[in-house]
Every structure is written in structure tokens, then in C-alpha cells.
């Protein structure tokens, strides 16, 4: 039972890394709401990381980052991350 769970968890390691960064950003935003630009920057970096991981990893290893075709996923993740980062920088 534990081995099966660990095998599934390691298969989803890229997705879990991105989610962990998002959790860190949201916790930071809860405890320091006056510094929303930093939280938004971490959210943007997690989306950019998801895009880079989707490009770099083979389809079988992408896990839950895989939604559609590789290039569509990468463009969406990188575009969303870039948009969030540019908004956080321009409003700052």
C-alpha cells in the first residue's frame, strides 16, 4: 500500500513541486497581505516553472501538468506566468 502511494507520488513530483510553490505563495499572501506583489511573483514563477517542466520532461513523466499537447500546455503555462509577473511588476 505504501509502495503504491510512493510510486504515485513520485510520478507526480513535477506537479507536486508546482503546487508546493503555490501553497507557499498563498500562505505568504495570507500572513502578509500588504506585500501582494511578492506573492503574485511567486505564483507567476510557479506557472513559469510548470511551463518549463512541461517542455523539458517527456510526456510520460509530466504527470498532472499534462493536459493537452505539449506545446499548448507550455504556451498556456508560460503565457499565464508571464502575464501575472508583468502585472505584478507594472503595478509595483
PDB file of N, CA and C in Angstrom:
ATOM      1  N   UNK A   1       0.814  -1.187   0.000  1.00  0.00           N
ATOM      2  CA  UNK A   1       0.000   0.000   0.000  1.00  0.00           C
ATOM      3  C   UNK A   1       0.865   1.261   0.000  1.00  0.00           C
ATOM      4  N   UNK A   2       1.846   1.291   0.892  1.00  0.00           N
ATOM      5  CA  UNK A   2       2.732   2.448   0.972  1.00  0.00           C
ATOM      6  C   UNK A   2       3.581   2.571  -0.283  1.00  0.00           C
ATOM      7  N   UNK A   3       4.042   1.444  -0.799  1.00  0.00           N
ATOM      8  CA  UNK A   3       4.850   1.493  -2.029  1.00  0.00           C
ATOM      9  C   UNK A   3       4.056   2.047  -3.194  1.00  0.00           C
ATOM     10  N   UNK A   4       2.813   1.647  -3.292  1.00  0.00           N
ATOM     11  CA  UNK A   4       1.977   2.127  -4.389  1.00  0.00           C
ATOM     12  C   UNK A   4       1.760   3.637  -4.260  1.00  0.00           C
ATOM     13  N   UNK A   5       1.528   4.103  -3.026  1.00  0.00           N
ATOM     14  CA  UNK A   5       1.339   5.530  -2.808  1.00  0.00           C
ATOM     15  C   UNK A   5       2.604   6.305  -3.146  1.00  0.00           C
ATOM     16  N   UNK A   6       3.767   5.789  -2.724  1.00  0.00           N
ATOM     17  CA  UNK A   6       5.034   6.464  -3.030  1.00  0.00           C
ATOM     18  C   UNK A   6       5.311   6.474  -4.527  1.00  0.00           C
ATOM     19  N   UNK A   7       4.974   5.405  -5.214  1.00  0.00           N
ATOM     20  CA  UNK A   7       5.177   5.355  -6.660  1.00  0.00           C
ATOM     21  C   UNK A   7       4.298   6.394  -7.350  1.00  0.00           C
ATOM     22  N   UNK A   8       3.066   6.531  -6.898  1.00  0.00           N
ATOM     23  CA  UNK A   8       2.188   7.545  -7.480  1.00  0.00           C
ATOM     24  C   UNK A   8       2.673   8.955  -7.166  1.00  0.00           C
ATOM     25  N   UNK A   9       3.134   9.158  -5.938  1.00  0.00           N
ATOM     26  CA  UNK A   9       3.612  10.483  -5.545  1.00  0.00           C
ATOM     27  C   UNK A   9       4.855  10.875  -6.331  1.00  0.00           C
ATOM     28  N   UNK A  10       5.783   9.948  -6.528  1.00  0.00           N
ATOM     29  CA  UNK A  10       6.979  10.285  -7.307  1.00  0.00           C
ATOM     30  C   UNK A  10       6.643  10.471  -8.774  1.00  0.00           C
ATOM     31  N   UNK A  11       5.619   9.818  -9.253  1.00  0.00           N
ATOM     32  CA  UNK A  11       5.179  10.034 -10.629  1.00  0.00           C
ATOM     33  C   UNK A  11       4.595  11.416 -10.839  1.00  0.00           C
ATOM     34  N   UNK A  12       4.124  12.026  -9.767  1.00  0.00           N
ATOM     35  CA  UNK A  12       3.535  13.362  -9.847  1.00  0.00           C
ATOM     36  C   UNK A  12       4.440  14.436  -9.256  1.00  0.00           C
ATOM     37  N   UNK A  13       5.719  14.150  -9.124  1.00  0.00           N
ATOM     38  CA  UNK A  13       6.660  15.077  -8.490  1.00  0.00           C
ATOM     39  C   UNK A  13       6.676  16.461  -9.149  1.00  0.00           C
ATOM     40  N   UNK A  14       6.678  16.585 -10.478  1.00  0.00           N
ATOM     41  CA  UNK A  14       6.674  17.941 -11.059  1.00  0.00           C
ATOM     42  C   UNK A  14       5.426  18.730 -10.667  1.00  0.00           C
ATOM     43  N   UNK A  15       4.284  18.084 -10.710  1.00  0.00           N
ATOM     44  CA  UNK A  15       3.036  18.747 -10.325  1.00  0.00           C
ATOM     45  C   UNK A  15       3.055  19.115  -8.846  1.00  0.00           C
ATOM     46  N   UNK A  16       3.539  18.222  -8.001  1.00  0.00           N
ATOM     47  CA  UNK A  16       3.596  18.494  -6.572  1.00  0.00           C
ATOM     48  C   UNK A  16       4.538  19.653  -6.254  1.00  0.00           C
ATOM     49  N   UNK A  17       5.616  19.788  -7.013  1.00  0.00           N
ATOM     50  CA  UNK A  17       6.533  20.911  -6.829  1.00  0.00           C
ATOM     51  C   UNK A  17       5.849  22.237  -7.146  1.00  0.00           C
ATOM     52  N   UNK A  18       5.116  22.265  -8.241  1.00  0.00           N
ATOM     53  CA  UNK A  18       4.399  23.483  -8.629  1.00  0.00           C
ATOM     54  C   UNK A  18       3.325  23.815  -7.593  1.00  0.00           C
ATOM     55  N   UNK A  19       2.605  22.812  -7.131  1.00  0.00           N
ATOM     56  CA  UNK A  19       1.564  23.043  -6.125  1.00  0.00           C
ATOM     57  C   UNK A  19       2.182  23.516  -4.813  1.00  0.00           C
ATOM     58  N   UNK A  20       3.344  22.965  -4.446  1.00  0.00           N
ATOM     59  CA  UNK A  20       4.013  23.398  -3.215  1.00  0.00           C
ATOM     60  C   UNK A  20       4.380  24.881  -3.299  1.00  0.00           C
ATOM     61  N   UNK A  21       4.858  25.326  -4.450  1.00  0.00           N
ATOM     62  CA  UNK A  21       5.163  26.755  -4.622  1.00  0.00           C
ATOM     63  C   UNK A  21       3.903  27.608  -4.521  1.00  0.00           C
ATOM     64  N   UNK A  22       2.812  27.122  -5.073  1.00  0.00           N
ATOM     65  CA  UNK A  22       1.555  27.863  -4.968  1.00  0.00           C
ATOM     66  C   UNK A  22       1.076  27.955  -3.529  1.00  0.00           C
ATOM     67  N   UNK A  23       1.227  26.878  -2.780  1.00  0.00           N
ATOM     68  CA  UNK A  23       0.833  26.892  -1.367  1.00  0.00           C
ATOM     69  C   UNK A  23       1.679  27.896  -0.592  1.00  0.00           C
ATOM     70  N   UNK A  24       2.977  27.909  -0.860  1.00  0.00           N
ATOM     71  CA  UNK A  24       3.857  28.876  -0.199  1.00  0.00           C
ATOM     72  C   UNK A  24       3.410  30.300  -0.519  1.00  0.00           C
ATOM     73  N   UNK A  25       3.068  30.555  -1.766  1.00  0.00           N
ATOM     74  CA  UNK A  25       2.637  31.897  -2.156  1.00  0.00           C
ATOM     75  C   UNK A  25       1.341  32.284  -1.462  1.00  0.00           C
ATOM     76  N   UNK A  26       0.387  31.381  -1.413  1.00  0.00           N
ATOM     77  CA  UNK A  26      -0.890  31.711  -0.788  1.00  0.00           C
ATOM     78  C   UNK A  26      -0.763  31.883   0.721  1.00  0.00           C
ATOM     79  N   UNK A  27       0.068  31.081   1.357  1.00  0.00           N
ATOM     80  CA  UNK A  27       0.298  31.256   2.797  1.00  0.00           C
ATOM     81  C   UNK A  27       0.964  32.604   3.048  1.00  0.00           C
ATOM     82  N   UNK A  28       1.915  32.958   2.206  1.00  0.00           N
ATOM     83  CA  UNK A  28       2.563  34.263   2.339  1.00  0.00           C
ATOM     84  C   UNK A  28       1.540  35.384   2.173  1.00  0.00           C
ATOM     85  N   UNK A  29       0.638  35.244   1.213  1.00  0.00           N
ATOM     86  CA  UNK A  29      -0.371  36.276   0.993  1.00  0.00           C
ATOM     87  C   UNK A  29      -1.344  36.387   2.165  1.00  0.00           C
ATOM     88  N   UNK A  30      -1.603  35.285   2.839  1.00  0.00           N
ATOM     89  CA  UNK A  30      -2.495  35.323   3.996  1.00  0.00           C
ATOM     90  C   UNK A  30      -1.842  36.064   5.155  1.00  0.00           C
ATOM     91  N   UNK A  31      -0.554  35.811   5.379  1.00  0.00           N
ATOM     92  CA  UNK A  31       0.119  36.404   6.525  1.00  0.00           C
ATOM     93  C   UNK A  31       0.723  37.778   6.241  1.00  0.00           C
ATOM     94  N   UNK A  32       0.908  38.122   5.001  1.00  0.00           N
ATOM     95  CA  UNK A  32       1.449  39.440   4.646  1.00  0.00           C
ATOM     96  C   UNK A  32       0.678  40.013   3.457  1.00  0.00           C
ATOM     97  N   UNK A  33      -0.587  40.357   3.661  1.00  0.00           N
ATOM     98  CA  UNK A  33      -1.395  40.814   2.522  1.00  0.00           C
ATOM     99  C   UNK A  33      -0.934  42.149   1.941  1.00  0.00           C
ATOM    100  N   UNK A  34      -0.173  42.920   2.693  1.00  0.00           N
ATOM    101  CA  UNK A  34       0.326  44.193   2.178  1.00  0.00           C
ATOM    102  C   UNK A  34       1.424  44.028   1.141  1.00  0.00           C
ATOM    103  N   UNK A  35       1.997  42.844   1.076  1.00  0.00           N
ATOM    104  CA  UNK A  35       3.071  42.558   0.107  1.00  0.00           C
ATOM    105  C   UNK A  35       2.555  41.606  -0.973  1.00  0.00           C
ATOM    106  N   UNK A  36       1.471  41.955  -1.613  1.00  0.00           N
ATOM    107  CA  UNK A  36       0.837  41.077  -2.577  1.00  0.00           C
ATOM    108  C   UNK A  36       1.676  40.887  -3.834  1.00  0.00           C
ATOM    109  N   UNK A  37       2.548  41.864  -4.143  1.00  0.00           N
ATOM    110  CA  UNK A  37       3.372  41.731  -5.346  1.00  0.00           C
ATOM    111  C   UNK A  37       4.333  40.556  -5.240  1.00  0.00           C
ATOM    112  N   UNK A  38       4.890  40.347  -4.054  1.00  0.00           N
ATOM    113  CA  UNK A  38       5.796  39.212  -3.858  1.00  0.00           C
ATOM    114  C   UNK A  38       5.043  37.896  -4.000  1.00  0.00           C
ATOM    115  N   UNK A  39       3.857  37.829  -3.423  1.00  0.00           N
ATOM    116  CA  UNK A  39       3.045  36.618  -3.567  1.00  0.00           C
ATOM    117  C   UNK A  39       2.666  36.365  -5.011  1.00  0.00           C
ATOM    118  N   UNK A  40       2.300  37.425  -5.722  1.00  0.00           N
ATOM    119  CA  UNK A  40       1.956  37.287  -7.137  1.00  0.00           C
ATOM    120  C   UNK A  40       3.170  36.855  -7.949  1.00  0.00           C
ATOM    121  N   UNK A  41       4.342  37.344  -7.571  1.00  0.00           N
ATOM    122  CA  UNK A  41       5.563  36.946  -8.282  1.00  0.00           C
ATOM    123  C   UNK A  41       5.856  35.459  -8.075  1.00  0.00           C
ATOM    124  N   UNK A  42       5.631  34.954  -6.876  1.00  0.00           N
ATOM    125  CA  UNK A  42       5.851  33.520  -6.625  1.00  0.00           C
ATOM    126  C   UNK A  42       4.824  32.689  -7.389  1.00  0.00           C
ATOM    127  N   UNK A  43       3.583  33.164  -7.464  1.00  0.00           N
ATOM    128  CA  UNK A  43       2.567  32.465  -8.256  1.00  0.00           C
ATOM    129  C   UNK A  43       2.979  32.444  -9.726  1.00  0.00           C
ATOM    130  N   UNK A  44       3.475  33.572 -10.223  1.00  0.00           N
ATOM    131  CA  UNK A  44       3.933  33.642 -11.610  1.00  0.00           C
ATOM    132  C   UNK A  44       5.112  32.705 -11.844  1.00  0.00           C
ATOM    133  N   UNK A  45       6.039  32.672 -10.899  1.00  0.00           N
ATOM    134  CA  UNK A  45       7.192  31.780 -11.044  1.00  0.00           C
ATOM    135  C   UNK A  45       6.775  30.321 -11.031  1.00  0.00           C
ATOM    136  N   UNK A  46       5.755  29.985 -10.272  1.00  0.00           N
ATOM    137  CA  UNK A  46       5.291  28.599 -10.282  1.00  0.00           C
ATOM    138  C   UNK A  46       4.666  28.238 -11.634  1.00  0.00           C
ATOM    139  N   UNK A  47       3.944  29.166 -12.241  1.00  0.00           N
ATOM    140  CA  UNK A  47       3.387  28.911 -13.575  1.00  0.00           C
ATOM    141  C   UNK A  47       4.502  28.814 -14.619  1.00  0.00           C
ATOM    142  N   UNK A  48       5.511  29.676 -14.508  1.00  0.00           N
ATOM    143  CA  UNK A  48       6.648  29.596 -15.430  1.00  0.00           C
ATOM    144  C   UNK A  48       7.411  28.288 -15.249  1.00  0.00           C
ATOM    145  N   UNK A  49       7.558  27.848 -14.003  1.00  0.00           N
ATOM    146  CA  UNK A  49       8.199  26.565 -13.742  1.00  0.00           C
ATOM    147  C   UNK A  49       7.401  25.426 -14.352  1.00  0.00           C
ATOM    148  N   UNK A  50       6.079  25.488 -14.242  1.00  0.00           N
ATOM    149  CA  UNK A  50       5.232  24.458 -14.840  1.00  0.00           C
ATOM    150  C   UNK A  50       5.445  24.406 -16.354  1.00  0.00           C
ATOM    151  N   UNK A  51       5.542  25.565 -16.985  1.00  0.00           N
ATOM    152  CA  UNK A  51       5.788  25.600 -18.428  1.00  0.00           C
ATOM    153  C   UNK A  51       7.139  25.028 -18.802  1.00  0.00           C
ATOM    154  N   UNK A  52       8.156  25.377 -18.031  1.00  0.00           N
ATOM    155  CA  UNK A  52       9.492  24.848 -18.323  1.00  0.00           C
ATOM    156  C   UNK A  52       9.560  23.338 -18.083  1.00  0.00           C
ATOM    157  N   UNK A  53       8.910  22.877 -17.021  1.00  0.00           N
ATOM    158  CA  UNK A  53       8.877  21.435 -16.767  1.00  0.00           C
ATOM    159  C   UNK A  53       8.110  20.700 -17.859  1.00  0.00           C
ATOM    160  N   UNK A  54       7.049  21.313 -18.344  1.00  0.00           N
ATOM    161  CA  UNK A  54       6.266  20.674 -19.410  1.00  0.00           C
ATOM    162  C   UNK A  54       7.080  20.567 -20.693  1.00  0.00           C
ATOM    163  N   UNK A  55       7.924  21.547 -20.948  1.00  0.00           N
ATOM    164  CA  UNK A  55       8.792  21.494 -22.131  1.00  0.00           C
ATOM    165  C   UNK A  55       9.896  20.460 -21.938  1.00  0.00           C
ATOM    166  N   UNK A  56      10.504  20.453 -20.762  1.00  0.00           N
ATOM    167  CA  UNK A  56      11.698  19.642 -20.534  1.00  0.00           C
ATOM    168  C   UNK A  56      11.399  18.161 -20.312  1.00  0.00           C
ATOM    169  N   UNK A  57      10.290  17.858 -19.662  1.00  0.00           N
ATOM    170  CA  UNK A  57      10.019  16.468 -19.314  1.00  0.00           C
ATOM    171  C   UNK A  57       9.320  15.734 -20.449  1.00  0.00           C
ATOM    172  N   UNK A  58       9.611  14.436 -20.582  1.00  0.00           N
ATOM    173  CA  UNK A  58       8.847  13.650 -21.557  1.00  0.00           C
ATOM    174  C   UNK A  58       7.387  13.551 -21.120  1.00  0.00           C
ATOM    175  N   UNK A  59       6.514  13.272 -22.055  1.00  0.00           N
ATOM    176  CA  UNK A  59       5.084  13.255 -21.780  1.00  0.00           C
ATOM    177  C   UNK A  59       4.723  12.273 -20.668  1.00  0.00           C
ATOM    178  N   UNK A  60       5.389  11.134 -20.606  1.00  0.00           N
ATOM    179  CA  UNK A  60       5.082  10.131 -19.589  1.00  0.00           C
ATOM    180  C   UNK A  60       5.460  10.598 -18.190  1.00  0.00           C
ATOM    181  N   UNK A  61       6.417  11.503 -18.065  1.00  0.00           N
ATOM    182  CA  UNK A  61       6.884  11.959 -16.756  1.00  0.00           C
ATOM    183  C   UNK A  61       6.239  13.273 -16.321  1.00  0.00           C
ATOM    184  N   UNK A  62       5.455  13.902 -17.169  1.00  0.00           N
ATOM    185  CA  UNK A  62       4.876  15.208 -16.858  1.00  0.00           C
ATOM    186  C   UNK A  62       3.758  15.121 -15.825  1.00  0.00           C
ATOM    187  N   UNK A  63       3.145  13.975 -15.675  1.00  0.00           N
ATOM    188  CA  UNK A  63       2.105  13.799 -14.672  1.00  0.00           C
ATOM    189  C   UNK A  63       0.899  14.685 -14.929  1.00  0.00           C
ATOM    190  N   UNK A  64       0.414  15.313 -13.870  1.00  0.00           N
ATOM    191  CA  UNK A  64      -0.780  16.141 -13.979  1.00  0.00           C
ATOM    192  C   UNK A  64      -0.522  17.496 -14.646  1.00  0.00           C
ATOM    193  N   UNK A  65       0.717  17.802 -14.954  1.00  0.00           N
ATOM    194  CA  UNK A  65       0.991  19.004 -15.754  1.00  0.00           C
ATOM    195  C   UNK A  65       0.554  18.800 -17.198  1.00  0.00           C
ATOM    196  N   UNK A  66       0.373  17.554 -17.571  1.00  0.00           N
ATOM    197  CA  UNK A  66      -0.027  17.210 -18.940  1.00  0.00           C
ATOM    198  C   UNK A  66      -1.544  17.335 -19.038  1.00  0.00           C
ATOM    199  N   UNK A  67      -1.995  18.302 -19.838  1.00  0.00           N
ATOM    200  CA  UNK A  67      -3.422  18.500 -20.051  1.00  0.00           C
ATOM    201  C   UNK A  67      -3.760  18.257 -21.513  1.00  0.00           C
ATOM    202  N   UNK A  68      -3.045  18.898 -22.374  1.00  0.00           N
ATOM    203  CA  UNK A  68      -3.266  18.745 -23.809  1.00  0.00           C
ATOM    204  C   UNK A  68      -1.916  18.430 -24.457  1.00  0.00           C
ATOM    205  N   UNK A  69      -1.723  18.900 -25.649  1.00  0.00           N
ATOM    206  CA  UNK A  69      -0.448  18.699 -26.322  1.00  0.00           C
ATOM    207  C   UNK A  69       0.632  19.491 -25.594  1.00  0.00           C
ATOM    208  N   UNK A  70       1.864  19.036 -25.719  1.00  0.00           N
ATOM    209  CA  UNK A  70       2.975  19.668 -25.003  1.00  0.00           C
ATOM    210  C   UNK A  70       3.090  21.147 -25.316  1.00  0.00           C
ATOM    211  N   UNK A  71       3.017  21.524 -26.579  1.00  0.00           N
ATOM    212  CA  UNK A  71       3.213  22.923 -26.933  1.00  0.00           C
ATOM    213  C   UNK A  71       2.062  23.789 -26.445  1.00  0.00           C
ATOM    214  N   UNK A  72       0.838  23.264 -26.427  1.00  0.00           N
ATOM    215  CA  UNK A  72      -0.298  24.037 -25.920  1.00  0.00           C
ATOM    216  C   UNK A  72      -0.139  24.263 -24.421  1.00  0.00           C
ATOM    217  N   UNK A  73       0.210  23.208 -23.699  1.00  0.00           N
ATOM    218  CA  UNK A  73       0.433  23.344 -22.259  1.00  0.00           C
ATOM    219  C   UNK A  73       1.535  24.345 -21.965  1.00  0.00           C
ATOM    220  N   UNK A  74       2.639  24.232 -22.673  1.00  0.00           N
ATOM    221  CA  UNK A  74       3.782  25.119 -22.429  1.00  0.00           C
ATOM    222  C   UNK A  74       3.421  26.571 -22.718  1.00  0.00           C
ATOM    223  N   UNK A  75       2.750  26.820 -23.824  1.00  0.00           N
ATOM    224  CA  UNK A  75       2.360  28.191 -24.171  1.00  0.00           C
ATOM    225  C   UNK A  75       1.402  28.756 -23.127  1.00  0.00           C
ATOM    226  N   UNK A  76       0.447  27.949 -22.677  1.00  0.00           N
ATOM    227  CA  UNK A  76      -0.519  28.429 -21.670  1.00  0.00           C
ATOM    228  C   UNK A  76       0.153  28.711 -20.337  1.00  0.00           C
ATOM    229  N   UNK A  77       0.985  27.781 -19.859  1.00  0.00           N
ATOM    230  CA  UNK A  77       1.669  27.985 -18.580  1.00  0.00           C
ATOM    231  C   UNK A  77       2.606  29.188 -18.642  1.00  0.00           C
ATOM    232  N   UNK A  78       3.415  29.255 -19.695  1.00  0.00           N
ATOM    233  CA  UNK A  78       4.369  30.360 -19.807  1.00  0.00           C
ATOM    234  C   UNK A  78       3.662  31.693 -20.027  1.00  0.00           C
ATOM    235  N   UNK A  79       2.604  31.685 -20.820  1.00  0.00           N
ATOM    236  CA  UNK A  79       1.847  32.918 -21.045  1.00  0.00           C
ATOM    237  C   UNK A  79       1.180  33.421 -19.779  1.00  0.00           C
ATOM    238  N   UNK A  80       0.568  32.506 -19.028  1.00  0.00           N
ATOM    239  CA  UNK A  80      -0.074  32.902 -17.780  1.00  0.00           C
ATOM    240  C   UNK A  80       0.951  33.407 -16.769  1.00  0.00           C
ATOM    241  N   UNK A  81       2.066  32.704 -16.648  1.00  0.00           N
ATOM    242  CA  UNK A  81       3.113  33.140 -15.728  1.00  0.00           C
ATOM    243  C   UNK A  81       3.681  34.497 -16.115  1.00  0.00           C
ATOM    244  N   UNK A  82       3.927  34.690 -17.397  1.00  0.00           N
ATOM    245  CA  UNK A  82       4.437  35.984 -17.864  1.00  0.00           C
ATOM    246  C   UNK A  82       3.448  37.115 -17.651  1.00  0.00           C
ATOM    247  N   UNK A  83       2.168  36.836 -17.864  1.00  0.00           N
ATOM    248  CA  UNK A  83       1.141  37.850 -17.663  1.00  0.00           C
ATOM    249  C   UNK A  83       1.033  38.245 -16.188  1.00  0.00           C
ATOM    250  N   UNK A  84       1.014  37.258 -15.300  1.00  0.00           N
ATOM    251  CA  UNK A  84       0.928  37.555 -13.873  1.00  0.00           C
ATOM    252  C   UNK A  84       2.160  38.328 -13.405  1.00  0.00           C
ATOM    253  N   UNK A  85       3.325  37.901 -13.879  1.00  0.00           N
ATOM    254  CA  UNK A  85       4.561  38.592 -13.480  1.00  0.00           C
ATOM    255  C   UNK A  85       4.601  40.017 -13.990  1.00  0.00           C
ATOM    256  N   UNK A  86       4.166  40.229 -15.223  1.00  0.00           N
ATOM    257  CA  UNK A  86       4.182  41.589 -15.768  1.00  0.00           C
ATOM    258  C   UNK A  86       3.190  42.491 -15.033  1.00  0.00           C
ATOM    259  N   UNK A  87       2.040  41.973 -14.646  1.00  0.00           N
ATOM    260  CA  UNK A  87       1.079  42.770 -13.878  1.00  0.00           C
ATOM    261  C   UNK A  87       1.653  43.110 -12.505  1.00  0.00           C
ATOM    262  N   UNK A  88       2.289  42.133 -11.863  1.00  0.00           N
ATOM    263  CA  UNK A  88       2.866  42.382 -10.538  1.00  0.00           C
ATOM    264  C   UNK A  88       3.996  43.413 -10.612  1.00  0.00           C
ATOM    265  N   UNK A  89       4.779  43.384 -11.671  1.00  0.00           N
ATOM    266  CA  UNK A  89       5.890  44.333 -11.804  1.00  0.00           C
ATOM    267  C   UNK A  89       5.359  45.730 -12.166  1.00  0.00           C
ATOM    268  N   UNK A  90       4.413  45.801 -13.093  1.00  0.00           N
ATOM    269  CA  UNK A  90       3.933  47.108 -13.554  1.00  0.00           C
ATOM    270  C   UNK A  90       3.127  47.838 -12.487  1.00  0.00           C
ATOM    271  N   UNK A  91       2.396  47.098 -11.672  1.00  0.00           N
ATOM    272  CA  UNK A  91       1.627  47.755 -10.623  1.00  0.00           C
ATOM    273  C   UNK A  91       2.466  48.072  -9.405  1.00  0.00           C
ATOM    274  N   UNK A  92       3.702  47.577  -9.402  1.00  0.00           N
ATOM    275  CA  UNK A  92       4.576  47.766  -8.242  1.00  0.00           C
ATOM    276  C   UNK A  92       5.323  49.001  -8.242  1.00  0.00           C
TER     277      UNK A  92
END
